[in-house]
Amino acid sequence: MKIKLLIFGIMTFISNSSIGKECDCRKIFLTVKSHIETNYAGFQDKVNKETYKVYDAWNDLIWKKTGHNFEKAAYCIYFILEWMTFFKDRHLQIRSTLNPSDTTESVAEEIIFLTADELGYLKTSRKVEGIYIDKENTTKIAVIKRPNSFRTHVGLVLETTSTKWKPGQIILEIRPDPLSLNKFEGIRYANNRTPRKVAYSLGIKTLGEDWMRYNDSQKGQRVFLSPQNVIQSKMLDDDILYVKIGSFNQIYASEIASVFNEQNTLLNSVSNLIIDLRGNSGGADFSYEPILPYIYTQPMTVVGADIYATEANIRGWKELLDMRDIPDDEKADIAAYVKGMTENIGGFLPLIEDEVISFASKKLFPKKVILLIDEGCASTSEQFILTAKESKKVILMGNHTSGVLDYANMRAHNIDGTDYRLFYATSRSRRIDLSQGIDNKGIVPDVLLSKEEEWVRQSILYLKEMRID
């Protein structure tokens, strides 16, 4: 596999002069703050008579932090991400609008070259400065001092198998945590340069959970991971079918349906089914509908949700009508929601009615269904798990889910003057009023598995033990 190498030089330069253009951070902060206060479906729950004083104080703190006109908008986004933690809702996000396939050519970026002396120092350093490789063994970086108004250190790419990065580009910007020794905070950039707020502890051989110290003896040990299929199925035993569903995104809906259609004969005779949902962060509810008949044992109650009707939310929902991957019948429903919102500005109206899912008959097979779940399961994935756990066939195994469902149906809003979009929830689950919310708690499995265990193997053993009993 071809690896891009950094040619060492003696200079630091800027790839585009727009890097030096300062952003008005407070203006960006007020824009985001106003939009969330006006359109976020959870705002009235999160900011109330018990919490508004704390919220006001939090606003004042972030206002002070955004008083500096930083060299680039990403630094301001960092503080806005910090501000958004008040709401404890991971359906509040900021993402770059840049095309991931075009970032290496189109992004105005700071490029750093290292001298031979600097590289030699990094190879022996035991401070935060050093050479690290990510846990996927795909990108090697150098962490070195390059202070500016935001950071003290940068992590620049030395070698990578990624087409989204080039040697010399900055993937990490960090500074010491003022409250903790050997801890750092800052930004790690995604492939499309979306800034992600990170906090790292400096270990003897690690920088947080993302990076491991690298040395020349590791050269022959590098194993670059190849991408795995998001949807796949295979027989694990004579009577155990394994189906991996890594996402319920609408682009995989037809593939999920195909798997269950193609395996229909087998599913109607195999005793056990393992559905691996680990890392499934959500998608569209209609993507999991083909699975329900195979896990059904009794009517399943689904608690509905309401949509918050505002002008901006209407615009966000209208955008869905132009998406190719959404079926026409779903688009008809969306058009009806838009019409209802237009007639009820400022209020909540039903998005999903409380319903009971039932089928005319229940399938004898599979007899047992294990859902493998973990902290990566969120949003639509959690809705499926809540529905599935009502079945007498279903056993949840693994670890608790993410807890990101009470406020959902994210829509986007462009942040003026930046290359970023704000994503926020426009719907509110009625489970909240029933004290059945799962945000920041997640769904607890029936059988807890440790990270050290091989989960699929443990699932097979569990099914075999049930068979013996």
Protein backbone atom coordinates (compact mmCIF):
# COMPACT_ATOMS: atom_id res chain seq x y z
CA MET A 1 0.00 0.00 0.00
CA LYS A 2 1.39 3.37 -0.94
CA ILE A 3 2.29 5.62 1.97
CA LYS A 4 2.71 9.36 1.56
CA LEU A 5 5.95 10.59 3.07
CA LEU A 6 6.78 14.00 4.46
CA ILE A 7 9.82 15.58 2.81
CA PHE A 8 11.61 17.32 5.61
CA GLY A 9 12.46 20.98 5.13
CA ILE A 10 13.27 23.95 7.28
CA MET A 11 10.25 26.12 6.82
CA THR A 12 6.69 26.64 7.94
CA PHE A 13 4.33 28.19 5.43
CA ILE A 14 0.66 28.82 4.80
CA SER A 15 -1.00 27.14 1.84
CA ASN A 16 -3.51 29.93 1.38
CA SER A 17 -3.49 33.47 2.67
CA SER A 18 -7.08 33.21 3.92
CA ILE A 19 -5.78 31.31 6.97
CA GLY A 20 -4.63 34.59 8.40
CA LYS A 21 -8.05 36.21 8.13
CA GLU A 22 -9.47 36.63 11.63
CA CYS A 23 -13.02 35.54 12.39
CA ASP A 24 -15.49 37.43 14.54
CA CYS A 25 -15.93 34.72 17.13
CA ARG A 26 -18.59 36.44 19.21
CA LYS A 27 -20.71 37.04 16.13
CA ILE A 28 -20.54 33.34 15.26
CA PHE A 29 -21.33 32.39 18.86
CA LEU A 30 -24.40 34.64 18.98
CA THR A 31 -25.62 33.27 15.64
CA VAL A 32 -25.45 29.67 16.88
CA LYS A 33 -26.86 30.54 20.30
CA SER A 34 -29.84 32.35 18.80
CA HIS A 35 -30.62 29.53 16.40
CA ILE A 36 -30.56 26.87 19.11
CA GLU A 37 -32.68 28.96 21.49
CA THR A 38 -35.26 29.47 18.75
CA ASN A 39 -35.34 26.12 16.98
CA TYR A 40 -33.86 23.29 19.10
CA ALA A 41 -36.66 20.95 20.24
CA GLY A 42 -35.01 20.38 23.60
CA PHE A 43 -34.32 23.96 24.58
CA GLN A 44 -37.47 24.49 26.67
CA ASP A 45 -36.73 21.30 28.63
CA LYS A 46 -33.06 22.10 29.16
CA VAL A 47 -33.43 25.79 30.06
CA ASN A 48 -36.21 26.27 32.60
CA LYS A 49 -36.84 28.02 35.91
CA GLU A 50 -34.50 25.60 37.69
CA THR A 51 -31.62 25.94 35.22
CA TYR A 52 -31.79 29.38 33.63
CA LYS A 53 -29.38 31.00 36.14
CA VAL A 54 -26.79 28.30 35.47
CA TYR A 55 -27.41 28.76 31.75
CA ASP A 56 -26.89 32.54 32.00
CA ALA A 57 -23.65 32.03 33.89
CA TRP A 58 -22.47 29.52 31.28
CA ASN A 59 -23.25 32.01 28.52
CA ASP A 60 -21.16 34.65 30.30
CA LEU A 61 -18.22 32.27 30.59
CA ILE A 62 -18.27 31.35 26.89
CA TRP A 63 -18.76 35.02 25.97
CA LYS A 64 -15.47 35.80 27.68
CA LYS A 65 -13.71 32.94 25.93
CA THR A 66 -14.93 34.07 22.51
CA GLY A 67 -13.73 37.64 23.00
CA HIS A 68 -10.57 37.01 20.96
CA ASN A 69 -10.65 37.26 17.17
CA PHE A 70 -8.93 33.98 16.37
CA GLU A 71 -6.88 33.23 13.29
CA LYS A 72 -9.45 30.74 12.02
CA ALA A 73 -13.06 29.82 12.59
CA ALA A 74 -12.21 26.33 13.86
CA TYR A 75 -10.94 27.85 17.11
CA CYS A 76 -14.23 29.63 17.60
CA ILE A 77 -16.13 26.41 16.81
CA TYR A 78 -14.14 24.76 19.61
CA PHE A 79 -15.64 27.15 22.18
CA ILE A 80 -19.12 26.84 20.68
CA LEU A 81 -18.81 23.05 21.01
CA GLU A 82 -17.87 23.66 24.64
CA TRP A 83 -20.94 25.89 25.05
CA MET A 84 -23.19 23.18 23.55
CA THR A 85 -22.14 20.69 26.23
CA PHE A 86 -24.56 22.49 28.55
CA PHE A 87 -27.43 20.72 26.78
CA LYS A 88 -25.90 17.24 27.14
CA ASP A 89 -27.29 16.27 23.74
CA ARG A 90 -25.07 14.67 21.11
CA HIS A 91 -27.70 15.52 18.52
CA LEU A 92 -26.24 19.03 18.72
CA GLN A 93 -23.30 19.02 16.32
CA ILE A 94 -21.25 21.24 14.06
CA ARG A 95 -19.82 19.84 10.84
CA SER A 96 -17.71 21.19 8.02
CA THR A 97 -19.42 21.86 4.69
CA LEU A 98 -16.26 20.94 2.79
CA ASN A 99 -16.38 17.97 0.46
CA PRO A 100 -14.34 15.14 2.06
CA SER A 101 -13.15 13.99 -1.37
CA ASP A 102 -11.72 17.39 -2.20
CA THR A 103 -10.21 18.60 1.07
CA THR A 104 -6.55 18.11 0.24
CA GLU A 105 -6.83 20.49 -2.69
CA SER A 106 -9.46 23.03 -1.66
CA VAL A 107 -8.83 23.73 2.01
CA ALA A 108 -6.81 26.74 3.06
CA GLU A 109 -4.42 25.14 5.51
CA GLU A 110 -1.30 25.73 7.48
CA ILE A 111 1.50 23.42 6.33
CA ILE A 112 4.47 22.64 8.57
CA PHE A 113 7.79 21.08 7.56
CA LEU A 114 10.26 19.80 10.17
CA THR A 115 14.00 20.12 10.30
CA ALA A 116 16.19 17.05 10.76
CA ASP A 117 17.10 18.28 14.26
CA GLU A 118 13.44 18.59 15.22
CA LEU A 119 12.72 15.09 13.96
CA GLY A 120 15.68 13.70 15.90
CA TYR A 121 14.43 15.36 19.10
CA LEU A 122 10.91 13.98 18.63
CA LYS A 123 12.19 10.41 18.31
CA THR A 124 13.65 10.51 21.83
CA SER A 125 11.25 12.90 23.60
CA ARG A 126 9.22 11.66 26.56
CA LYS A 127 7.25 14.89 26.88
CA VAL A 128 4.07 15.45 24.91
CA GLU A 129 6.28 16.20 21.92
CA GLY A 130 6.98 13.05 19.98
CA ILE A 131 6.00 10.78 17.13
CA TYR A 132 2.69 8.94 17.39
CA ILE A 133 0.58 6.60 15.31
CA ASP A 134 -3.20 6.29 15.48
CA LYS A 135 -4.86 3.16 16.84
CA GLU A 136 -5.86 2.09 13.31
CA ASN A 137 -2.18 2.18 12.27
CA THR A 138 -3.01 4.37 9.29
CA THR A 139 -1.59 7.79 10.17
CA LYS A 140 1.71 8.73 11.79
CA ILE A 141 2.04 12.23 13.21
CA ALA A 142 4.60 14.47 14.87
CA VAL A 143 3.47 16.48 17.90
CA ILE A 144 5.62 19.57 18.23
CA LYS A 145 5.46 23.07 19.72
CA ARG A 146 3.98 25.65 17.37
CA PRO A 147 2.13 28.12 19.65
CA ASN A 148 -0.45 30.66 18.52
CA SER A 149 -3.46 32.33 20.14
CA PHE A 150 -5.23 28.99 20.63
CA ARG A 151 -2.70 26.18 20.88
CA THR A 152 0.72 25.32 22.20
CA HIS A 153 1.30 22.19 20.11
CA VAL A 154 0.28 20.79 16.74
CA GLY A 155 0.07 17.24 15.46
CA LEU A 156 1.18 17.24 11.84
CA VAL A 157 0.91 14.35 9.43
CA LEU A 158 4.16 12.53 8.66
CA GLU A 159 2.85 9.44 6.86
CA THR A 160 -0.65 8.32 5.99
CA THR A 161 -2.57 5.84 3.86
CA SER A 162 -5.52 8.24 3.73
CA THR A 163 -6.34 10.16 0.57
CA LYS A 164 -7.82 12.93 2.73
CA TRP A 165 -4.52 14.06 4.22
CA LYS A 166 -1.11 15.09 2.98
CA PRO A 167 2.18 15.19 4.86
CA GLY A 168 2.64 18.47 6.70
CA GLN A 169 -1.07 19.12 7.25
CA ILE A 170 -2.28 19.67 10.80
CA ILE A 171 -4.60 16.99 12.15
CA LEU A 172 -4.33 18.01 15.81
CA GLU A 173 -4.06 21.28 17.79
CA ILE A 174 -3.74 21.02 21.56
CA ARG A 175 -2.75 22.96 24.68
CA PRO A 176 -2.27 22.02 28.34
CA ASP A 177 -5.40 21.65 30.44
CA PRO A 178 -5.04 24.49 32.98
CA LEU A 179 -6.63 22.39 35.72
CA SER A 180 -4.77 19.09 35.32
CA LEU A 181 -1.17 17.94 35.07
CA ASN A 182 -0.22 15.91 31.99
CA LYS A 183 -3.58 16.54 30.37
CA PHE A 184 -4.24 18.37 27.13
CA GLU A 185 -7.29 19.76 25.38
CA GLY A 186 -7.90 20.94 21.88
CA ILE A 187 -9.03 19.98 18.40
CA ARG A 188 -8.69 16.87 16.27
CA TYR A 189 -9.80 17.39 12.69
CA ALA A 190 -11.94 14.87 10.83
CA ASN A 191 -11.22 14.02 7.20
CA ASN A 192 -13.41 16.88 5.98
CA ARG A 193 -11.75 19.17 8.55
CA THR A 194 -14.66 19.23 10.98
CA PRO A 195 -13.11 20.16 14.35
CA ARG A 196 -13.75 17.64 17.12
CA LYS A 197 -13.19 18.71 20.72
CA VAL A 198 -10.75 16.31 22.42
CA ALA A 199 -9.18 15.86 25.84
CA TYR A 200 -6.05 13.72 26.16
CA SER A 201 -4.10 12.34 29.10
CA LEU A 202 -0.39 11.92 28.46
CA GLY A 203 0.75 8.40 29.23
CA ILE A 204 4.17 6.78 28.96
CA LYS A 205 3.31 5.33 25.55
CA THR A 206 0.03 7.04 24.70
CA LEU A 207 -1.62 10.38 24.07
CA GLY A 208 -5.21 9.82 25.04
CA GLU A 209 -6.96 6.85 23.48
CA ASP A 210 -6.30 8.03 19.92
CA TRP A 211 -2.51 7.95 19.69
CA MET A 212 0.37 5.59 20.59
CA ARG A 213 4.05 6.56 20.67
CA TYR A 214 5.85 5.29 17.61
CA ASN A 215 9.39 4.00 17.29
CA ASP A 216 11.39 2.53 14.42
CA SER A 217 11.04 -1.01 15.77
CA GLN A 218 7.33 -0.85 14.88
CA LYS A 219 7.97 -0.46 11.16
CA GLY A 220 7.49 -4.12 10.39
CA GLN A 221 4.48 -4.42 12.67
CA ARG A 222 2.14 -2.03 10.92
CA VAL A 223 -1.10 -3.59 9.78
CA PHE A 224 -3.31 -1.21 7.87
CA LEU A 225 -6.96 -1.98 8.33
CA SER A 226 -9.09 -2.45 5.24
CA PRO A 227 -12.64 -1.12 5.30
CA GLN A 228 -15.31 -3.64 6.26
CA ASN A 229 -18.73 -4.01 4.71
CA VAL A 230 -21.37 -2.08 6.63
CA ILE A 231 -23.96 -4.80 5.99
CA GLN A 232 -22.98 -8.47 5.89
CA SER A 233 -24.30 -11.91 6.80
CA LYS A 234 -22.84 -15.39 7.25
CA MET A 235 -23.52 -18.69 8.98
CA LEU A 236 -21.47 -19.18 12.15
CA ASP A 237 -22.76 -22.63 12.99
CA ASP A 238 -25.34 -25.08 11.71
CA ASP A 239 -28.08 -23.15 13.43
CA ILE A 240 -26.66 -19.63 13.98
CA LEU A 241 -26.98 -16.89 11.37
CA TYR A 242 -24.90 -13.74 11.90
CA VAL A 243 -25.98 -10.40 10.40
CA LYS A 244 -23.93 -7.26 10.85
CA ILE A 245 -25.76 -3.94 10.44
CA GLY A 246 -23.29 -1.12 10.90
CA SER A 247 -25.74 1.64 10.02
CA PHE A 248 -29.42 2.32 9.47
CA ASN A 249 -28.64 5.23 7.16
CA GLN A 250 -31.17 5.38 4.34
CA ILE A 251 -28.45 4.61 1.78
CA TYR A 252 -28.23 1.10 3.29
CA ALA A 253 -32.01 0.53 3.55
CA SER A 254 -32.26 -1.48 0.33
CA GLU A 255 -29.18 -3.51 1.24
CA ILE A 256 -30.65 -4.40 4.66
CA ALA A 257 -33.93 -5.39 2.99
CA SER A 258 -32.03 -7.50 0.45
CA VAL A 259 -30.18 -9.43 3.15
CA PHE A 260 -33.39 -10.38 4.92
CA ASN A 261 -35.19 -11.15 1.65
CA GLU A 262 -32.34 -13.31 0.36
CA GLN A 263 -32.03 -15.12 3.70
CA ASN A 264 -35.78 -15.56 4.14
CA THR A 265 -35.74 -19.34 3.66
CA LEU A 266 -32.85 -19.73 6.08
CA LEU A 267 -34.40 -17.33 8.62
CA ASN A 268 -37.55 -19.44 8.63
CA SER A 269 -35.58 -22.52 9.65
CA VAL A 270 -32.49 -21.40 11.58
CA SER A 271 -32.77 -21.54 15.37
CA ASN A 272 -30.61 -18.57 16.27
CA LEU A 273 -29.93 -15.14 14.84
CA ILE A 274 -27.20 -12.73 15.97
CA ILE A 275 -27.65 -9.13 14.82
CA ASP A 276 -24.46 -7.15 15.39
CA LEU A 277 -25.36 -3.48 15.86
CA ARG A 278 -22.07 -2.33 17.37
CA GLY A 279 -21.14 1.13 16.18
CA ASN A 280 -24.52 1.68 14.49
CA SER A 281 -25.07 5.37 15.14
CA GLY A 282 -28.50 5.55 13.55
CA GLY A 283 -30.17 6.54 10.31
CA ALA A 284 -33.78 6.17 9.16
CA ASP A 285 -36.52 4.23 10.92
CA PHE A 286 -37.73 2.62 7.70
CA SER A 287 -34.33 0.93 7.29
CA TYR A 288 -35.03 -1.57 10.09
CA GLU A 289 -38.62 -2.41 9.16
CA PRO A 290 -37.67 -5.59 7.21
CA ILE A 291 -36.17 -7.05 10.42
CA LEU A 292 -39.26 -6.74 12.61
CA PRO A 293 -41.24 -9.78 11.35
CA TYR A 294 -38.37 -12.10 12.29
CA ILE A 295 -38.13 -10.91 15.89
CA TYR A 296 -41.85 -10.40 16.53
CA THR A 297 -43.52 -12.38 19.32
CA GLN A 298 -46.17 -9.99 20.64
CA PRO A 299 -47.47 -6.46 19.94
CA MET A 300 -44.69 -3.88 20.34
CA THR A 301 -45.51 -0.46 21.78
CA VAL A 302 -43.76 2.51 20.23
CA VAL A 303 -44.00 5.82 22.09
CA GLY A 304 -44.23 8.63 19.58
CA ALA A 305 -42.57 12.00 19.17
CA ASP A 306 -43.54 15.57 18.37
CA ILE A 307 -41.92 17.98 15.98
CA TYR A 308 -41.13 21.61 16.85
CA ALA A 309 -42.58 23.92 14.22
CA THR A 310 -40.43 26.93 13.35
CA GLU A 311 -39.57 28.63 10.07
CA ALA A 312 -36.00 27.29 10.17
CA ASN A 313 -37.15 23.76 10.99
CA ILE A 314 -39.57 23.86 8.07
CA ARG A 315 -36.68 24.78 5.76
CA GLY A 316 -34.62 21.93 7.19
CA TRP A 317 -37.37 19.38 6.62
CA LYS A 318 -38.00 20.65 3.08
CA GLU A 319 -34.36 19.81 2.24
CA LEU A 320 -35.21 16.13 2.72
CA LEU A 321 -37.57 16.26 -0.25
CA ASP A 322 -34.56 16.67 -2.55
CA MET A 323 -32.68 13.63 -1.20
CA ARG A 324 -32.51 10.72 -3.65
CA ASP A 325 -32.25 7.95 -1.05
CA ILE A 326 -35.61 8.66 0.62
CA PRO A 327 -38.51 6.60 -0.81
CA ASP A 328 -41.45 8.44 -2.37
CA ASP A 329 -43.91 7.29 0.30
CA GLU A 330 -41.60 8.73 2.99
CA LYS A 331 -41.38 11.99 1.05
CA ALA A 332 -45.17 12.16 1.00
CA ASP A 333 -45.15 11.93 4.80
CA ILE A 334 -42.46 14.63 5.00
CA ALA A 335 -44.53 16.94 2.79
CA ALA A 336 -47.46 16.42 5.18
CA TYR A 337 -45.24 17.26 8.18
CA VAL A 338 -44.09 20.45 6.45
CA LYS A 339 -47.70 21.46 5.80
CA GLY A 340 -48.66 20.80 9.43
CA MET A 341 -45.67 22.76 10.73
CA THR A 342 -46.54 25.71 8.51
CA GLU A 343 -49.97 25.82 10.11
CA ASN A 344 -48.64 25.53 13.70
CA ILE A 345 -45.62 27.84 13.91
CA GLY A 346 -44.24 27.97 17.46
CA GLY A 347 -45.87 24.78 18.64
CA PHE A 348 -45.28 21.04 18.73
CA LEU A 349 -47.30 18.72 16.54
CA PRO A 350 -47.29 14.91 16.20
CA LEU A 351 -44.45 13.51 14.12
CA ILE A 352 -44.84 9.90 15.19
CA GLU A 353 -48.09 8.78 16.75
CA ASP A 354 -48.00 6.37 19.66
CA GLU A 355 -48.54 3.02 18.02
CA VAL A 356 -48.62 -0.70 18.56
CA ILE A 357 -46.75 -2.73 15.96
CA SER A 358 -48.37 -6.08 15.31
CA PHE A 359 -48.26 -8.74 12.63
CA ALA A 360 -50.95 -11.23 11.65
CA SER A 361 -48.76 -14.10 12.76
CA LYS A 362 -45.46 -14.72 14.46
CA LYS A 363 -42.65 -16.74 12.97
CA LEU A 364 -41.53 -19.91 14.72
CA PHE A 365 -37.94 -19.25 13.63
CA PRO A 366 -35.52 -17.93 14.58
CA LYS A 367 -36.20 -19.00 18.14
CA LYS A 368 -33.63 -16.71 19.78
CA VAL A 369 -32.28 -13.38 18.57
CA ILE A 370 -29.23 -11.77 20.15
CA LEU A 371 -28.62 -8.06 19.54
CA LEU A 372 -25.00 -7.07 20.13
CA ILE A 373 -25.03 -3.47 21.35
CA ASP A 374 -22.43 -0.98 22.58
CA GLU A 375 -21.77 2.70 23.23
CA GLY A 376 -21.70 3.30 19.48
CA CYS A 377 -25.41 2.49 19.13
CA ALA A 378 -27.34 5.75 18.99
CA SER A 379 -30.44 7.49 17.70
CA THR A 380 -32.41 5.30 15.24
CA SER A 381 -30.36 2.30 16.32
CA GLU A 382 -31.61 2.85 19.87
CA GLN A 383 -35.20 3.18 18.64
CA PHE A 384 -34.88 -0.22 16.99
CA ILE A 385 -33.39 -1.70 20.17
CA LEU A 386 -36.22 -0.28 22.32
CA THR A 387 -38.76 -1.82 19.95
CA ALA A 388 -36.93 -5.13 19.64
CA LYS A 389 -36.44 -5.62 23.38
CA GLU A 390 -40.20 -6.07 23.78
CA SER A 391 -39.91 -9.36 21.91
CA LYS A 392 -39.61 -12.54 23.97
CA LYS A 393 -37.06 -13.80 21.45
CA VAL A 394 -34.62 -10.94 21.88
CA ILE A 395 -31.63 -10.87 24.22
CA LEU A 396 -29.48 -7.73 24.44
CA MET A 397 -25.79 -8.47 24.92
CA GLY A 398 -22.78 -6.17 25.16
CA ASN A 399 -22.62 -2.78 26.78
CA HIS A 400 -25.02 0.12 27.33
CA THR A 401 -25.92 2.18 24.26
CA SER A 402 -25.02 5.81 23.65
CA GLY A 403 -28.20 7.45 24.96
CA VAL A 404 -28.96 9.83 22.08
CA LEU A 405 -32.62 9.50 21.19
CA ASP A 406 -34.95 11.69 23.26
CA TYR A 407 -34.39 14.67 20.95
CA ALA A 408 -33.94 13.57 17.37
CA ASN A 409 -34.55 14.21 13.67
CA MET A 410 -31.54 16.44 13.15
CA ARG A 411 -31.70 19.23 10.63
CA ALA A 412 -28.97 21.58 9.41
CA HIS A 413 -28.43 25.32 9.43
CA ASN A 414 -25.56 27.11 7.70
CA ILE A 415 -23.41 29.24 10.01
CA ASP A 416 -22.94 32.46 8.08
CA GLY A 417 -19.39 33.48 7.29
CA THR A 418 -17.94 30.01 7.93
CA ASP A 419 -17.53 26.64 6.24
CA TYR A 420 -19.65 24.99 8.94
CA ARG A 421 -23.23 23.85 9.48
CA LEU A 422 -25.06 23.49 12.78
CA PHE A 423 -27.03 20.26 13.22
CA TYR A 424 -29.70 20.12 15.91
CA ALA A 425 -32.74 18.07 16.95
CA THR A 426 -36.19 19.13 15.77
CA SER A 427 -38.28 16.46 17.50
CA ARG A 428 -39.01 15.51 21.11
CA SER A 429 -39.97 12.02 22.32
CA ARG A 430 -43.05 11.62 24.48
CA ARG A 431 -41.04 9.10 26.52
CA ILE A 432 -39.63 12.12 28.34
CA ASP A 433 -43.05 12.90 29.83
CA LEU A 434 -43.35 9.24 30.90
CA SER A 435 -39.97 9.37 32.69
CA GLN A 436 -38.64 6.90 30.15
CA GLY A 437 -35.94 9.07 28.61
CA ILE A 438 -32.63 7.44 27.76
CA ASP A 439 -30.42 10.42 26.87
CA ASN A 440 -27.00 10.21 28.56
CA LYS A 441 -28.01 6.87 30.11
CA GLY A 442 -28.49 4.54 27.21
CA ILE A 443 -30.17 1.14 27.05
CA VAL A 444 -28.74 -1.47 29.42
CA PRO A 445 -28.10 -4.96 27.99
CA ASP A 446 -29.56 -8.13 29.48
CA VAL A 447 -26.09 -9.70 29.44
CA LEU A 448 -23.12 -7.43 30.08
CA LEU A 449 -19.91 -8.22 28.18
CA SER A 450 -16.49 -6.77 28.92
CA LYS A 451 -14.40 -5.14 26.22
CA GLU A 452 -11.76 -7.82 26.69
CA GLU A 453 -14.16 -10.57 25.58
CA GLU A 454 -14.73 -11.59 21.96
CA TRP A 455 -18.41 -10.74 21.74
CA VAL A 456 -19.49 -12.90 18.82
CA ARG A 457 -17.81 -15.92 20.40
CA GLN A 458 -19.51 -15.14 23.73
CA SER A 459 -22.85 -14.93 21.93
CA ILE A 460 -22.34 -18.37 20.38
CA LEU A 461 -21.41 -19.84 23.77
CA TYR A 462 -24.45 -18.22 25.37
CA LEU A 463 -26.78 -19.70 22.75
CA LYS A 464 -25.23 -23.14 23.14
CA GLU A 465 -25.63 -22.98 26.93
CA MET A 466 -29.30 -22.06 26.47
CA ARG A 467 -29.68 -25.05 24.16
CA ILE A 468 -28.24 -27.36 26.84
CA ASP A 469 -30.52 -25.91 29.51
